[in-house]
Amino acid sequence: MAAKTERSFLDGPGARAIALLCFLGSASVLAYLHREQLWPAADAPVQSAEEAAFLACVGERGAHIDKMLKDGVVEEAQAALFRGRAEALCRDQTGGSAGPPPLPGMRQ
């Protein structure tokens, strides 16, 4: 005679259903907490006022440098130098930097 063995509740379909509900609950909590990484906003990032002012300043000064280059007033190397100086000037005027850059070989 074969003896009928009793199955534990943990081996049955009820326990599996509870485990599935726990898994789905955990996955939904993680998806909610990381929703910004999973589904980034479709809108373009909003620029700060300082960044918009900086971009306008660099664009205006870059147009002047391009005109001087086109007219033959400056050479390409000079134009590159002027662009770097214009960027530094615009950062200083719009508050885009915390001060002057460190000297070469020096750390802040």
N, C-alpha and C. Protein backbone atom coordinates (compact mmCIF):
# COMPACT_ATOMS: atom_id res chain seq x y z
N MET A 1 0.79 -1.17 0.00
CA MET A 1 0.00 0.00 0.00
C MET A 1 0.85 1.26 0.00
N ALA A 2 0.47 2.13 -0.82
CA ALA A 2 1.17 3.40 -0.90
C ALA A 2 0.56 4.37 0.09
N ALA A 3 1.40 4.96 0.86
CA ALA A 3 0.91 5.92 1.85
C ALA A 3 0.80 7.29 1.21
N LYS A 4 -0.27 7.97 1.51
CA LYS A 4 -0.48 9.32 0.96
C LYS A 4 0.35 10.30 1.79
N THR A 5 1.21 11.05 1.10
CA THR A 5 2.06 12.02 1.81
C THR A 5 1.36 13.37 1.81
N GLU A 6 1.48 14.04 2.89
CA GLU A 6 0.90 15.38 3.02
C GLU A 6 1.85 16.41 2.41
N ARG A 7 1.30 17.28 1.59
CA ARG A 7 2.11 18.36 1.02
C ARG A 7 2.02 19.59 1.91
N SER A 8 3.11 20.25 2.04
CA SER A 8 3.17 21.47 2.83
C SER A 8 2.48 22.60 2.05
N PHE A 9 2.03 23.61 2.76
CA PHE A 9 1.41 24.76 2.10
C PHE A 9 2.42 25.46 1.19
N LEU A 10 3.69 25.45 1.56
CA LEU A 10 4.72 26.12 0.78
C LEU A 10 4.95 25.45 -0.57
N ASP A 11 4.50 24.21 -0.74
CA ASP A 11 4.65 23.50 -2.00
C ASP A 11 3.42 23.66 -2.89
N GLY A 12 2.40 24.29 -2.43
CA GLY A 12 1.15 24.36 -3.16
C GLY A 12 0.99 25.61 -4.01
N PRO A 13 -0.09 25.68 -4.76
CA PRO A 13 -0.34 26.82 -5.65
C PRO A 13 -0.63 28.12 -4.88
N GLY A 14 -1.13 28.04 -3.68
CA GLY A 14 -1.39 29.25 -2.90
C GLY A 14 -0.10 30.00 -2.57
N ALA A 15 0.92 29.26 -2.19
CA ALA A 15 2.20 29.88 -1.87
C ALA A 15 2.84 30.47 -3.11
N ARG A 16 2.68 29.81 -4.23
CA ARG A 16 3.23 30.35 -5.49
C ARG A 16 2.52 31.64 -5.89
N ALA A 17 1.22 31.70 -5.66
CA ALA A 17 0.46 32.92 -5.98
C ALA A 17 0.91 34.07 -5.09
N ILE A 18 1.13 33.79 -3.81
CA ILE A 18 1.61 34.82 -2.89
C ILE A 18 3.01 35.30 -3.30
N ALA A 19 3.87 34.37 -3.70
CA ALA A 19 5.22 34.73 -4.14
C ALA A 19 5.16 35.59 -5.41
N LEU A 20 4.26 35.26 -6.32
CA LEU A 20 4.10 36.05 -7.54
C LEU A 20 3.61 37.46 -7.21
N LEU A 21 2.68 37.59 -6.28
CA LEU A 21 2.19 38.91 -5.88
C LEU A 21 3.30 39.72 -5.22
N CYS A 22 4.14 39.08 -4.40
CA CYS A 22 5.27 39.78 -3.78
C CYS A 22 6.26 40.26 -4.84
N PHE A 23 6.52 39.42 -5.83
CA PHE A 23 7.43 39.81 -6.91
C PHE A 23 6.89 40.98 -7.69
N LEU A 24 5.62 40.92 -8.06
CA LEU A 24 5.02 42.02 -8.84
C LEU A 24 4.98 43.31 -8.02
N GLY A 25 4.70 43.19 -6.73
CA GLY A 25 4.70 44.38 -5.88
C GLY A 25 6.08 45.00 -5.78
N SER A 26 7.10 44.18 -5.60
CA SER A 26 8.47 44.68 -5.52
C SER A 26 8.91 45.32 -6.82
N ALA A 27 8.58 44.68 -7.94
CA ALA A 27 8.95 45.23 -9.25
C ALA A 27 8.25 46.56 -9.49
N SER A 28 6.99 46.67 -9.09
CA SER A 28 6.28 47.93 -9.31
C SER A 28 6.83 49.04 -8.42
N VAL A 29 7.23 48.73 -7.19
CA VAL A 29 7.84 49.74 -6.32
C VAL A 29 9.17 50.21 -6.91
N LEU A 30 9.99 49.28 -7.40
CA LEU A 30 11.26 49.67 -8.02
C LEU A 30 11.04 50.50 -9.28
N ALA A 31 10.06 50.13 -10.08
CA ALA A 31 9.76 50.90 -11.29
C ALA A 31 9.30 52.30 -10.92
N TYR A 32 8.52 52.44 -9.87
CA TYR A 32 8.06 53.76 -9.45
C TYR A 32 9.22 54.61 -8.94
N LEU A 33 10.11 54.01 -8.15
CA LEU A 33 11.24 54.77 -7.61
C LEU A 33 12.22 55.20 -8.69
N HIS A 34 12.36 54.42 -9.74
CA HIS A 34 13.31 54.73 -10.82
C HIS A 34 12.60 55.17 -12.10
N ARG A 35 11.45 55.77 -11.97
CA ARG A 35 10.67 56.14 -13.15
C ARG A 35 11.37 57.18 -14.01
N GLU A 36 12.17 58.07 -13.42
CA GLU A 36 12.88 59.08 -14.20
C GLU A 36 13.94 58.45 -15.10
N GLN A 37 14.60 57.40 -14.62
CA GLN A 37 15.62 56.73 -15.42
C GLN A 37 14.99 55.82 -16.47
N LEU A 38 13.86 55.21 -16.13
CA LEU A 38 13.21 54.29 -17.06
C LEU A 38 12.48 55.01 -18.19
N TRP A 39 11.80 56.11 -17.84
CA TRP A 39 11.03 56.88 -18.82
C TRP A 39 11.39 58.35 -18.70
N PRO A 40 12.48 58.79 -19.35
CA PRO A 40 12.87 60.20 -19.24
C PRO A 40 11.82 61.10 -19.88
N ALA A 41 11.78 62.32 -19.39
CA ALA A 41 10.82 63.30 -19.89
C ALA A 41 11.12 63.61 -21.35
N ALA A 42 10.08 63.79 -22.13
CA ALA A 42 10.24 64.07 -23.55
C ALA A 42 10.54 65.54 -23.81
N ASP A 43 10.28 66.40 -22.82
CA ASP A 43 10.52 67.82 -22.99
C ASP A 43 12.02 68.11 -22.98
N ALA A 44 12.39 69.17 -23.69
CA ALA A 44 13.78 69.59 -23.70
C ALA A 44 14.12 70.18 -22.33
N PRO A 45 15.35 69.98 -21.88
CA PRO A 45 15.71 70.55 -20.58
C PRO A 45 15.65 72.07 -20.61
N VAL A 46 15.19 72.63 -19.53
CA VAL A 46 15.05 74.08 -19.43
C VAL A 46 16.40 74.67 -19.06
N GLN A 47 16.80 75.71 -19.79
CA GLN A 47 18.06 76.37 -19.52
C GLN A 47 17.86 77.38 -18.40
N SER A 48 18.88 77.53 -17.60
CA SER A 48 18.83 78.56 -16.57
C SER A 48 19.05 79.91 -17.24
N ALA A 49 18.74 80.97 -16.52
CA ALA A 49 18.90 82.32 -17.06
C ALA A 49 20.37 82.61 -17.35
N GLU A 50 21.26 82.12 -16.47
CA GLU A 50 22.69 82.35 -16.67
C GLU A 50 23.19 81.63 -17.92
N GLU A 51 22.70 80.41 -18.12
CA GLU A 51 23.14 79.64 -19.29
C GLU A 51 22.64 80.27 -20.59
N ALA A 52 21.39 80.75 -20.58
CA ALA A 52 20.85 81.41 -21.77
C ALA A 52 21.62 82.69 -22.08
N ALA A 53 21.95 83.47 -21.04
CA ALA A 53 22.71 84.69 -21.24
C ALA A 53 24.11 84.38 -21.76
N PHE A 54 24.72 83.31 -21.23
CA PHE A 54 26.05 82.91 -21.69
C PHE A 54 26.02 82.52 -23.16
N LEU A 55 25.03 81.71 -23.55
CA LEU A 55 24.94 81.28 -24.95
C LEU A 55 24.69 82.46 -25.89
N ALA A 56 23.89 83.43 -25.46
CA ALA A 56 23.64 84.61 -26.28
C ALA A 56 24.91 85.44 -26.43
N CYS A 57 25.65 85.57 -25.34
CA CYS A 57 26.90 86.35 -25.38
C CYS A 57 27.93 85.69 -26.29
N VAL A 58 28.10 84.38 -26.14
CA VAL A 58 29.08 83.66 -26.97
C VAL A 58 28.66 83.71 -28.44
N GLY A 59 27.37 83.59 -28.70
CA GLY A 59 26.90 83.64 -30.08
C GLY A 59 27.17 84.99 -30.73
N GLU A 60 26.92 86.06 -29.97
CA GLU A 60 27.15 87.40 -30.51
C GLU A 60 28.62 87.66 -30.76
N ARG A 61 29.45 87.31 -29.79
CA ARG A 61 30.90 87.53 -29.96
C ARG A 61 31.48 86.60 -31.02
N GLY A 62 30.95 85.38 -31.12
CA GLY A 62 31.41 84.46 -32.15
C GLY A 62 31.09 84.97 -33.54
N ALA A 63 29.95 85.63 -33.69
CA ALA A 63 29.59 86.21 -35.00
C ALA A 63 30.56 87.31 -35.38
N HIS A 64 30.98 88.14 -34.40
CA HIS A 64 31.95 89.19 -34.69
C HIS A 64 33.30 88.59 -35.09
N ILE A 65 33.70 87.55 -34.41
CA ILE A 65 34.98 86.90 -34.72
C ILE A 65 34.92 86.27 -36.11
N ASP A 66 33.81 85.61 -36.44
CA ASP A 66 33.65 85.03 -37.78
C ASP A 66 33.71 86.10 -38.86
N LYS A 67 33.12 87.26 -38.59
CA LYS A 67 33.13 88.35 -39.58
C LYS A 67 34.56 88.86 -39.78
N MET A 68 35.31 89.01 -38.68
CA MET A 68 36.71 89.46 -38.81
C MET A 68 37.53 88.43 -39.58
N LEU A 69 37.26 87.14 -39.34
CA LEU A 69 37.99 86.09 -40.04
C LEU A 69 37.64 86.11 -41.52
N LYS A 70 36.37 86.32 -41.83
CA LYS A 70 35.91 86.36 -43.23
C LYS A 70 36.49 87.57 -43.96
N ASP A 71 36.59 88.70 -43.25
CA ASP A 71 37.12 89.91 -43.87
C ASP A 71 38.63 89.89 -43.98
N GLY A 72 39.28 88.92 -43.38
CA GLY A 72 40.73 88.81 -43.47
C GLY A 72 41.46 89.67 -42.46
N VAL A 73 40.76 90.16 -41.45
CA VAL A 73 41.39 91.01 -40.44
C VAL A 73 42.27 90.17 -39.52
N VAL A 74 41.82 88.95 -39.20
CA VAL A 74 42.59 88.08 -38.31
C VAL A 74 42.82 86.74 -39.00
N GLU A 75 43.81 86.02 -38.50
CA GLU A 75 44.10 84.68 -39.02
C GLU A 75 43.36 83.64 -38.17
N GLU A 76 43.41 82.39 -38.61
CA GLU A 76 42.69 81.31 -37.91
C GLU A 76 43.18 81.12 -36.48
N ALA A 77 44.49 81.19 -36.28
CA ALA A 77 45.05 81.03 -34.93
C ALA A 77 44.58 82.15 -34.00
N GLN A 78 44.54 83.37 -34.54
CA GLN A 78 44.06 84.50 -33.74
C GLN A 78 42.58 84.34 -33.42
N ALA A 79 41.82 83.85 -34.38
CA ALA A 79 40.39 83.68 -34.16
C ALA A 79 40.13 82.64 -33.06
N ALA A 80 40.94 81.58 -33.04
CA ALA A 80 40.79 80.57 -31.99
C ALA A 80 41.10 81.17 -30.63
N LEU A 81 42.13 82.00 -30.56
CA LEU A 81 42.48 82.68 -29.32
C LEU A 81 41.36 83.62 -28.89
N PHE A 82 40.81 84.38 -29.83
CA PHE A 82 39.72 85.30 -29.52
C PHE A 82 38.49 84.56 -29.04
N ARG A 83 38.21 83.39 -29.62
CA ARG A 83 37.05 82.61 -29.18
C ARG A 83 37.21 82.15 -27.72
N GLY A 84 38.40 81.71 -27.38
CA GLY A 84 38.67 81.31 -26.00
C GLY A 84 38.52 82.48 -25.03
N ARG A 85 39.02 83.64 -25.44
CA ARG A 85 38.90 84.82 -24.59
C ARG A 85 37.44 85.29 -24.50
N ALA A 86 36.72 85.18 -25.60
CA ALA A 86 35.31 85.59 -25.59
C ALA A 86 34.51 84.68 -24.67
N GLU A 87 34.81 83.38 -24.68
CA GLU A 87 34.11 82.46 -23.79
C GLU A 87 34.39 82.80 -22.33
N ALA A 88 35.65 83.10 -22.01
CA ALA A 88 36.00 83.47 -20.64
C ALA A 88 35.31 84.77 -20.23
N LEU A 89 35.27 85.73 -21.14
CA LEU A 89 34.60 87.00 -20.85
C LEU A 89 33.12 86.79 -20.61
N CYS A 90 32.48 85.99 -21.44
CA CYS A 90 31.05 85.75 -21.30
C CYS A 90 30.74 84.99 -20.01
N ARG A 91 31.60 84.05 -19.65
CA ARG A 91 31.39 83.34 -18.38
C ARG A 91 31.50 84.30 -17.20
N ASP A 92 32.45 85.21 -17.28
CA ASP A 92 32.63 86.17 -16.19
C ASP A 92 31.44 87.13 -16.12
N GLN A 93 30.95 87.58 -17.25
CA GLN A 93 29.84 88.55 -17.26
C GLN A 93 28.52 87.93 -16.84
N THR A 94 28.32 86.67 -17.15
CA THR A 94 27.03 86.03 -16.85
C THR A 94 27.05 85.24 -15.55
N GLY A 95 28.17 85.23 -14.85
CA GLY A 95 28.23 84.51 -13.57
C GLY A 95 28.37 83.02 -13.74
N GLY A 96 28.93 82.59 -14.85
CA GLY A 96 29.06 81.17 -15.11
C GLY A 96 30.27 80.53 -14.46
N SER A 97 31.10 81.32 -13.78
CA SER A 97 32.28 80.72 -13.16
C SER A 97 32.42 81.23 -11.73
N ALA A 98 33.16 80.51 -10.95
CA ALA A 98 33.35 80.87 -9.56
C ALA A 98 34.61 81.69 -9.35
N GLY A 99 35.24 82.13 -10.39
CA GLY A 99 36.46 82.91 -10.27
C GLY A 99 37.40 82.58 -11.41
N PRO A 100 38.58 83.17 -11.37
CA PRO A 100 39.53 82.91 -12.45
C PRO A 100 40.05 81.48 -12.38
N PRO A 101 40.45 80.93 -13.50
CA PRO A 101 40.99 79.57 -13.48
C PRO A 101 42.35 79.56 -12.79
N PRO A 102 42.76 78.40 -12.28
CA PRO A 102 44.06 78.32 -11.62
C PRO A 102 45.20 78.47 -12.62
N LEU A 103 46.34 78.88 -12.12
CA LEU A 103 47.51 78.98 -12.97
C LEU A 103 47.96 77.59 -13.38
N PRO A 104 48.66 77.48 -14.52
CA PRO A 104 49.13 76.16 -14.95
C PRO A 104 50.01 75.52 -13.87
N GLY A 105 49.76 74.27 -13.59
CA GLY A 105 50.52 73.54 -12.60
C GLY A 105 50.03 73.72 -11.18
N MET A 106 49.07 74.59 -10.98
CA MET A 106 48.52 74.84 -9.65
C MET A 106 47.15 74.18 -9.55
N ARG A 107 46.81 73.71 -8.36
CA ARG A 107 45.50 73.10 -8.13
C ARG A 107 44.68 74.02 -7.26
N GLN A 108 43.36 73.91 -7.43
CA GLN A 108 42.47 74.71 -6.59
C GLN A 108 42.19 74.01 -5.31
